Amino acid sequence: MQNNFEAGRGALAMRFENNTMAFDYSPVFYFHDSYGFSSEQKQAIVADCIAAYKRWEGDYDGLAIKLNIHPSVTEKKRKSNVRFLPDQGTITTMVPRSLIWSPRRCCNVYYRKHDMHRMFTYVAQHELGHVLGIFDAYGYGGHFRNKFVLGISLEKIANGLLPEASFDLTPRDSIMRSGTNVTALEARMILRAWQRGRLQLYCKSALTKLGGEVFGGKI
């Protein structure tokens, strides 16, 4: 396996040693006023997020993940990297910068109100996967179901650009698809992301043009 190394800086850094990826992550949480949360409610939500993040920890066929998390809350949106924002049309929770992921800059996470009901069962844990350097396993056509422009199916275009990974590769309950299960595949993909400094993909997609790399299964 890869020799020991360190990568990242600022809010997210990783040390790989003794087959363990030890991350130091400093999420700075911001809550838009529309949520109306008290200080105690904010701290409770932060604690729930940390618990969700911690579900990434474990030993995956000899490759371990450890998370040292140092959370804080700010009233200044520009100082945050985890933002709870109001709903805006059909815009969903996302990590936009993950499309051009790099270990040299921690990605911001943007949560939306309509995802709060599933935040701690799936969403918070899933979005951290993007922060750590891996892309979605599900196809993006679902975001455009039954939507057409000039008679052209946006669902079909989206699935062509950002297709779904094979279920043989990653099961239905995997964390980057629609479940909470982290497998050895995700662990290896994260390590490769930090080795190579490139977003790791389950399958070929338009993101290869932006520097993403289809994970080849070898470390």
C-alpha atoms as a PDB file:
ATOM      1  CA  MET A   1       0.000   0.000   0.000  1.00  0.00           C
ATOM      2  CA  GLN A   2       1.007   3.646  -0.463  1.00  0.00           C
ATOM      3  CA  ASN A   3       3.820   5.008   1.728  1.00  0.00           C
ATOM      4  CA  ASN A   4       2.907   7.401   4.522  1.00  0.00           C
ATOM      5  CA  PHE A   5       2.044  10.928   3.375  1.00  0.00           C
ATOM      6  CA  GLU A   6       0.192  14.099   4.347  1.00  0.00           C
ATOM      7  CA  ALA A   7      -2.102  16.268   2.235  1.00  0.00           C
ATOM      8  CA  GLY A   8      -4.604  19.065   2.559  1.00  0.00           C
ATOM      9  CA  ARG A   9      -4.542  22.235   4.593  1.00  0.00           C
ATOM     10  CA  GLY A  10      -6.762  24.656   6.461  1.00  0.00           C
ATOM     11  CA  ALA A  11     -10.185  23.246   7.329  1.00  0.00           C
ATOM     12  CA  LEU A  12      -9.399  19.763   6.015  1.00  0.00           C
ATOM     13  CA  ALA A  13      -6.140  17.838   6.134  1.00  0.00           C
ATOM     14  CA  MET A  14      -5.219  14.165   6.086  1.00  0.00           C
ATOM     15  CA  ARG A  15      -2.313  12.124   7.394  1.00  0.00           C
ATOM     16  CA  PHE A  16      -1.914   8.597   6.011  1.00  0.00           C
ATOM     17  CA  GLU A  17       0.083   6.391   8.331  1.00  0.00           C
ATOM     18  CA  ASN A  18      -0.020   2.697   9.240  1.00  0.00           C
ATOM     19  CA  ASN A  19      -2.801   2.111   6.692  1.00  0.00           C
ATOM     20  CA  THR A  20      -4.988   4.728   8.435  1.00  0.00           C
ATOM     21  CA  MET A  21      -6.387   7.902   6.893  1.00  0.00           C
ATOM     22  CA  ALA A  22      -6.618  10.319   9.827  1.00  0.00           C
ATOM     23  CA  PHE A  23      -8.566  13.439   8.864  1.00  0.00           C
ATOM     24  CA  ASP A  24      -8.632  16.731  10.731  1.00  0.00           C
ATOM     25  CA  TYR A  25     -11.834  18.498   9.715  1.00  0.00           C
ATOM     26  CA  SER A  26     -12.976  21.890  11.000  1.00  0.00           C
ATOM     27  CA  PRO A  27     -16.574  22.459   9.855  1.00  0.00           C
ATOM     28  CA  VAL A  28     -17.779  26.013  10.516  1.00  0.00           C
ATOM     29  CA  PHE A  29     -21.582  26.002  10.626  1.00  0.00           C
ATOM     30  CA  TYR A  30     -23.833  28.867   9.546  1.00  0.00           C
ATOM     31  CA  PHE A  31     -27.622  28.893   9.954  1.00  0.00           C
ATOM     32  CA  HIS A  32     -29.747  31.317   7.943  1.00  0.00           C
ATOM     33  CA  ASP A  33     -32.115  33.379  10.090  1.00  0.00           C
ATOM     34  CA  SER A  34     -35.116  31.750   8.404  1.00  0.00           C
ATOM     35  CA  TYR A  35     -34.451  28.561  10.374  1.00  0.00           C
ATOM     36  CA  GLY A  36     -35.172  30.416  13.607  1.00  0.00           C
ATOM     37  CA  PHE A  37     -32.910  28.173  15.643  1.00  0.00           C
ATOM     38  CA  SER A  38     -31.792  29.063  19.150  1.00  0.00           C
ATOM     39  CA  SER A  39     -28.150  28.632  20.144  1.00  0.00           C
ATOM     40  CA  GLU A  40     -29.067  25.363  21.855  1.00  0.00           C
ATOM     41  CA  GLN A  41     -30.851  24.076  18.750  1.00  0.00           C
ATOM     42  CA  LYS A  42     -27.877  24.970  16.577  1.00  0.00           C
ATOM     43  CA  GLN A  43     -25.518  23.101  18.876  1.00  0.00           C
ATOM     44  CA  ALA A  44     -27.828  20.068  18.823  1.00  0.00           C
ATOM     45  CA  ILE A  45     -27.833  20.047  15.022  1.00  0.00           C
ATOM     46  CA  VAL A  46     -24.056  20.400  14.930  1.00  0.00           C
ATOM     47  CA  ALA A  47     -23.768  17.439  17.298  1.00  0.00           C
ATOM     48  CA  ASP A  48     -26.061  15.372  15.067  1.00  0.00           C
ATOM     49  CA  CYS A  49     -23.969  16.270  12.009  1.00  0.00           C
ATOM     50  CA  ILE A  50     -20.779  15.227  13.777  1.00  0.00           C
ATOM     51  CA  ALA A  51     -22.368  11.903  14.716  1.00  0.00           C
ATOM     52  CA  ALA A  52     -23.351  11.397  11.069  1.00  0.00           C
ATOM     53  CA  TYR A  53     -19.850  12.270   9.884  1.00  0.00           C
ATOM     54  CA  LYS A  54     -18.381   9.805  12.369  1.00  0.00           C
ATOM     55  CA  ARG A  55     -20.199   6.949  10.630  1.00  0.00           C
ATOM     56  CA  TRP A  56     -17.427   7.099   8.048  1.00  0.00           C
ATOM     57  CA  GLU A  57     -14.975   5.808  10.642  1.00  0.00           C
ATOM     58  CA  GLY A  58     -14.002   2.162  10.591  1.00  0.00           C
ATOM     59  CA  ASP A  59     -11.663  -0.483   9.241  1.00  0.00           C
ATOM     60  CA  TYR A  60     -12.302  -1.435   5.631  1.00  0.00           C
ATOM     61  CA  ASP A  61     -10.338  -4.547   4.738  1.00  0.00           C
ATOM     62  CA  GLY A  62      -7.191  -3.228   6.376  1.00  0.00           C
ATOM     63  CA  LEU A  63      -7.637   0.403   5.357  1.00  0.00           C
ATOM     64  CA  ALA A  64      -8.959   2.549   8.219  1.00  0.00           C
ATOM     65  CA  ILE A  65     -10.660   5.944   8.333  1.00  0.00           C
ATOM     66  CA  LYS A  66     -10.441   8.154  11.419  1.00  0.00           C
ATOM     67  CA  LEU A  67     -12.058  11.587  11.763  1.00  0.00           C
ATOM     68  CA  ASN A  68     -10.912  14.259  14.187  1.00  0.00           C
ATOM     69  CA  ILE A  69     -13.630  16.912  13.974  1.00  0.00           C
ATOM     70  CA  HIS A  70     -13.365  20.434  15.372  1.00  0.00           C
ATOM     71  CA  PRO A  71     -16.757  22.145  14.849  1.00  0.00           C
ATOM     72  CA  SER A  72     -17.730  25.765  15.425  1.00  0.00           C
ATOM     73  CA  VAL A  73     -20.706  28.023  14.677  1.00  0.00           C
ATOM     74  CA  THR A  74     -20.577  31.470  13.092  1.00  0.00           C
ATOM     75  CA  GLU A  75     -23.113  34.211  12.402  1.00  0.00           C
ATOM     76  CA  LYS A  76     -21.140  35.258   9.303  1.00  0.00           C
ATOM     77  CA  LYS A  77     -21.980  33.248   6.189  1.00  0.00           C
ATOM     78  CA  ARG A  78     -18.716  34.109   4.436  1.00  0.00           C
ATOM     79  CA  LYS A  79     -16.739  32.600   7.330  1.00  0.00           C
ATOM     80  CA  SER A  80     -18.551  29.270   7.145  1.00  0.00           C
ATOM     81  CA  ASN A  81     -18.024  26.104   5.146  1.00  0.00           C
ATOM     82  CA  VAL A  82     -21.212  24.271   6.189  1.00  0.00           C
ATOM     83  CA  ARG A  83     -24.280  26.392   5.443  1.00  0.00           C
ATOM     84  CA  PHE A  84     -27.925  25.775   6.278  1.00  0.00           C
ATOM     85  CA  LEU A  85     -29.709  27.880   3.671  1.00  0.00           C
ATOM     86  CA  PRO A  86     -33.366  28.537   2.843  1.00  0.00           C
ATOM     87  CA  ASP A  87     -35.074  26.627   0.050  1.00  0.00           C
ATOM     88  CA  GLN A  88     -34.612  28.133  -3.397  1.00  0.00           C
ATOM     89  CA  GLY A  89     -36.854  26.585  -5.995  1.00  0.00           C
ATOM     90  CA  THR A  90     -35.856  22.995  -6.658  1.00  0.00           C
ATOM     91  CA  ILE A  91     -32.201  23.500  -5.686  1.00  0.00           C
ATOM     92  CA  THR A  92     -31.148  20.629  -3.465  1.00  0.00           C
ATOM     93  CA  THR A  93     -28.432  20.142  -0.866  1.00  0.00           C
ATOM     94  CA  MET A  94     -25.095  20.097  -2.663  1.00  0.00           C
ATOM     95  CA  VAL A  95     -21.313  20.450  -2.604  1.00  0.00           C
ATOM     96  CA  PRO A  96     -20.725  22.418  -5.833  1.00  0.00           C
ATOM     97  CA  ARG A  97     -16.954  22.560  -5.634  1.00  0.00           C
ATOM     98  CA  SER A  98     -16.773  18.772  -5.499  1.00  0.00           C
ATOM     99  CA  LEU A  99     -17.031  18.852  -9.305  1.00  0.00           C
ATOM    100  CA  ILE A 100     -13.471  20.215  -9.349  1.00  0.00           C
ATOM    101  CA  TRP A 101     -12.397  18.663  -6.041  1.00  0.00           C
ATOM    102  CA  SER A 102      -8.875  19.175  -4.726  1.00  0.00           C
ATOM    103  CA  PRO A 103      -7.285  18.332  -1.352  1.00  0.00           C
ATOM    104  CA  ARG A 104      -5.802  21.824  -1.332  1.00  0.00           C
ATOM    105  CA  ARG A 105      -9.174  23.471  -0.610  1.00  0.00           C
ATOM    106  CA  CYS A 106     -11.978  22.246   1.627  1.00  0.00           C
ATOM    107  CA  CYS A 107     -15.346  22.163  -0.165  1.00  0.00           C
ATOM    108  CA  ASN A 108     -18.310  24.117   1.192  1.00  0.00           C
ATOM    109  CA  VAL A 109     -21.526  22.204   1.904  1.00  0.00           C
ATOM    110  CA  TYR A 110     -24.906  23.846   1.250  1.00  0.00           C
ATOM    111  CA  TYR A 111     -27.881  22.245   3.009  1.00  0.00           C
ATOM    112  CA  ARG A 112     -31.497  23.163   2.204  1.00  0.00           C
ATOM    113  CA  LYS A 113     -34.552  23.192   4.461  1.00  0.00           C
ATOM    114  CA  HIS A 114     -36.429  20.539   2.503  1.00  0.00           C
ATOM    115  CA  ASP A 115     -33.652  18.038   3.259  1.00  0.00           C
ATOM    116  CA  MET A 116     -33.777  18.514   7.035  1.00  0.00           C
ATOM    117  CA  HIS A 117     -36.086  15.507   7.525  1.00  0.00           C
ATOM    118  CA  ARG A 118     -33.344  13.158   6.271  1.00  0.00           C
ATOM    119  CA  MET A 119     -30.298  15.157   7.325  1.00  0.00           C
ATOM    120  CA  PHE A 120     -28.993  12.806   9.980  1.00  0.00           C
ATOM    121  CA  THR A 121     -30.096   9.490   8.522  1.00  0.00           C
ATOM    122  CA  TYR A 122     -28.349  10.040   5.198  1.00  0.00           C
ATOM    123  CA  VAL A 123     -27.688  13.535   3.851  1.00  0.00           C
ATOM    124  CA  ALA A 124     -24.992  14.826   6.246  1.00  0.00           C
ATOM    125  CA  GLN A 125     -23.001  11.604   5.971  1.00  0.00           C
ATOM    126  CA  HIS A 126     -23.393  11.500   2.185  1.00  0.00           C
ATOM    127  CA  GLU A 127     -22.267  15.094   1.647  1.00  0.00           C
ATOM    128  CA  LEU A 128     -19.116  14.482   3.673  1.00  0.00           C
ATOM    129  CA  GLY A 129     -18.221  11.851   1.074  1.00  0.00           C
ATOM    130  CA  HIS A 130     -18.035  14.657  -1.484  1.00  0.00           C
ATOM    131  CA  VAL A 131     -15.890  16.739   0.852  1.00  0.00           C
ATOM    132  CA  LEU A 132     -13.537  13.762   1.180  1.00  0.00           C
ATOM    133  CA  GLY A 133     -13.197  13.397  -2.583  1.00  0.00           C
ATOM    134  CA  ILE A 134     -15.719  10.991  -4.118  1.00  0.00           C
ATOM    135  CA  PHE A 135     -18.696  11.595  -6.410  1.00  0.00           C
ATOM    136  CA  ASP A 136     -22.234  10.216  -6.442  1.00  0.00           C
ATOM    137  CA  ALA A 137     -23.019   6.647  -7.441  1.00  0.00           C
ATOM    138  CA  TYR A 138     -26.586   7.484  -8.516  1.00  0.00           C
ATOM    139  CA  GLY A 139     -27.411   8.912 -11.932  1.00  0.00           C
ATOM    140  CA  TYR A 140     -28.440  12.548 -12.191  1.00  0.00           C
ATOM    141  CA  GLY A 141     -31.464  11.954 -14.380  1.00  0.00           C
ATOM    142  CA  GLY A 142     -33.662  11.787 -11.299  1.00  0.00           C
ATOM    143  CA  HIS A 143     -33.117  15.508 -10.740  1.00  0.00           C
ATOM    144  CA  PHE A 144     -34.819  16.191 -14.098  1.00  0.00           C
ATOM    145  CA  ARG A 145     -37.546  13.546 -14.218  1.00  0.00           C
ATOM    146  CA  ASN A 146     -40.399  14.442 -16.583  1.00  0.00           C
ATOM    147  CA  LYS A 147     -38.703  17.686 -17.624  1.00  0.00           C
ATOM    148  CA  PHE A 148     -38.347  18.543 -21.304  1.00  0.00           C
ATOM    149  CA  VAL A 149     -36.917  21.400 -23.374  1.00  0.00           C
ATOM    150  CA  LEU A 150     -38.006  21.591 -27.013  1.00  0.00           C
ATOM    151  CA  GLY A 151     -39.231  18.024 -26.698  1.00  0.00           C
ATOM    152  CA  ILE A 152     -35.859  16.794 -25.469  1.00  0.00           C
ATOM    153  CA  SER A 153     -35.760  14.847 -22.190  1.00  0.00           C
ATOM    154  CA  LEU A 154     -33.487  16.544 -19.666  1.00  0.00           C
ATOM    155  CA  GLU A 155     -33.537  13.322 -17.670  1.00  0.00           C
ATOM    156  CA  LYS A 156     -31.969  11.432 -20.567  1.00  0.00           C
ATOM    157  CA  ILE A 157     -29.326  14.123 -21.115  1.00  0.00           C
ATOM    158  CA  ALA A 158     -28.437  14.197 -17.409  1.00  0.00           C
ATOM    159  CA  ASN A 159     -28.093  10.422 -17.254  1.00  0.00           C
ATOM    160  CA  GLY A 160     -25.815  10.563 -20.283  1.00  0.00           C
ATOM    161  CA  LEU A 161     -23.567  13.198 -18.748  1.00  0.00           C
ATOM    162  CA  LEU A 162     -23.615  11.888 -15.160  1.00  0.00           C
ATOM    163  CA  PRO A 163     -24.693   8.237 -15.338  1.00  0.00           C
ATOM    164  CA  GLU A 164     -25.495   5.818 -12.566  1.00  0.00           C
ATOM    165  CA  ALA A 165     -22.841   3.380 -11.342  1.00  0.00           C
ATOM    166  CA  SER A 166     -23.408  -0.348 -11.770  1.00  0.00           C
ATOM    167  CA  PHE A 167     -25.128  -2.067  -8.833  1.00  0.00           C
ATOM    168  CA  ASP A 168     -22.473  -4.783  -9.163  1.00  0.00           C
ATOM    169  CA  LEU A 169     -19.912  -2.139  -8.245  1.00  0.00           C
ATOM    170  CA  THR A 170     -21.764  -0.381  -5.456  1.00  0.00           C
ATOM    171  CA  PRO A 171     -24.952  -1.700  -3.803  1.00  0.00           C
ATOM    172  CA  ARG A 172     -28.245   0.130  -3.473  1.00  0.00           C
ATOM    173  CA  ASP A 173     -27.632   0.870   0.224  1.00  0.00           C
ATOM    174  CA  SER A 174     -24.159   2.345  -0.301  1.00  0.00           C
ATOM    175  CA  ILE A 175     -23.520   5.807   1.134  1.00  0.00           C
ATOM    176  CA  MET A 176     -22.906   7.555  -2.179  1.00  0.00           C
ATOM    177  CA  ARG A 177     -26.054   6.123  -3.728  1.00  0.00           C
ATOM    178  CA  SER A 178     -29.034   6.227  -1.353  1.00  0.00           C
ATOM    179  CA  GLY A 179     -28.059   4.472   1.862  1.00  0.00           C
ATOM    180  CA  THR A 180     -25.653   4.794   4.759  1.00  0.00           C
ATOM    181  CA  ASN A 181     -23.347   1.830   4.173  1.00  0.00           C
ATOM    182  CA  VAL A 182     -19.652   2.660   3.688  1.00  0.00           C
ATOM    183  CA  THR A 183     -17.736  -0.107   1.941  1.00  0.00           C
ATOM    184  CA  ALA A 184     -14.079  -0.846   1.311  1.00  0.00           C
ATOM    185  CA  LEU A 185     -14.579   0.599  -2.173  1.00  0.00           C
ATOM    186  CA  GLU A 186     -15.386   4.062  -0.798  1.00  0.00           C
ATOM    187  CA  ALA A 187     -12.400   3.899   1.556  1.00  0.00           C
ATOM    188  CA  ARG A 188     -10.053   3.023  -1.311  1.00  0.00           C
ATOM    189  CA  MET A 189     -11.570   5.745  -3.488  1.00  0.00           C
ATOM    190  CA  ILE A 190     -10.964   8.362  -0.799  1.00  0.00           C
ATOM    191  CA  LEU A 191      -7.357   7.292  -0.399  1.00  0.00           C
ATOM    192  CA  ARG A 192      -6.833   7.479  -4.165  1.00  0.00           C
ATOM    193  CA  ALA A 193      -8.424  10.940  -4.256  1.00  0.00           C
ATOM    194  CA  TRP A 194      -5.873  12.193  -1.741  1.00  0.00           C
ATOM    195  CA  GLN A 195      -2.997  10.361  -3.398  1.00  0.00           C
ATOM    196  CA  ARG A 196      -3.795  11.714  -6.839  1.00  0.00           C
ATOM    197  CA  GLY A 197      -5.397  15.039  -5.941  1.00  0.00           C
ATOM    198  CA  ARG A 198      -8.377  14.197  -8.174  1.00  0.00           C
ATOM    199  CA  LEU A 199     -12.081  13.585  -7.601  1.00  0.00           C
ATOM    200  CA  GLN A 200     -12.809   9.857  -7.784  1.00  0.00           C
ATOM    201  CA  LEU A 201     -15.702   8.620  -9.928  1.00  0.00           C
ATOM    202  CA  TYR A 202     -17.506   5.283  -9.955  1.00  0.00           C
ATOM    203  CA  CYS A 203     -17.870   5.360 -13.728  1.00  0.00           C
ATOM    204  CA  LYS A 204     -16.955   7.458 -16.744  1.00  0.00           C
ATOM    205  CA  SER A 205     -18.880  10.724 -16.986  1.00  0.00           C
ATOM    206  CA  ALA A 206     -18.633  14.338 -18.088  1.00  0.00           C
ATOM    207  CA  LEU A 207     -16.593  15.017 -14.954  1.00  0.00           C
ATOM    208  CA  THR A 208     -13.561  13.318 -16.467  1.00  0.00           C
ATOM    209  CA  LYS A 209     -13.284  16.471 -18.598  1.00  0.00           C
ATOM    210  CA  LEU A 210     -12.982  18.512 -15.379  1.00  0.00           C
ATOM    211  CA  GLY A 211     -10.210  16.370 -13.920  1.00  0.00           C
ATOM    212  CA  GLY A 212     -12.258  13.615 -12.299  1.00  0.00           C
ATOM    213  CA  GLU A 213     -10.848  10.100 -12.488  1.00  0.00           C
ATOM    214  CA  VAL A 214     -12.666   6.783 -12.692  1.00  0.00           C
ATOM    215  CA  PHE A 215     -11.408   4.670  -9.803  1.00  0.00           C
ATOM    216  CA  GLY A 216      -9.470   1.727 -11.154  1.00  0.00           C
ATOM    217  CA  GLY A 217      -9.506  -0.468  -8.060  1.00  0.00           C
ATOM    218  CA  LYS A 218      -5.783  -0.358  -7.289  1.00  0.00           C
ATOM    219  CA  ILE A 219      -3.932   1.564  -4.586  1.00  0.00           C
END
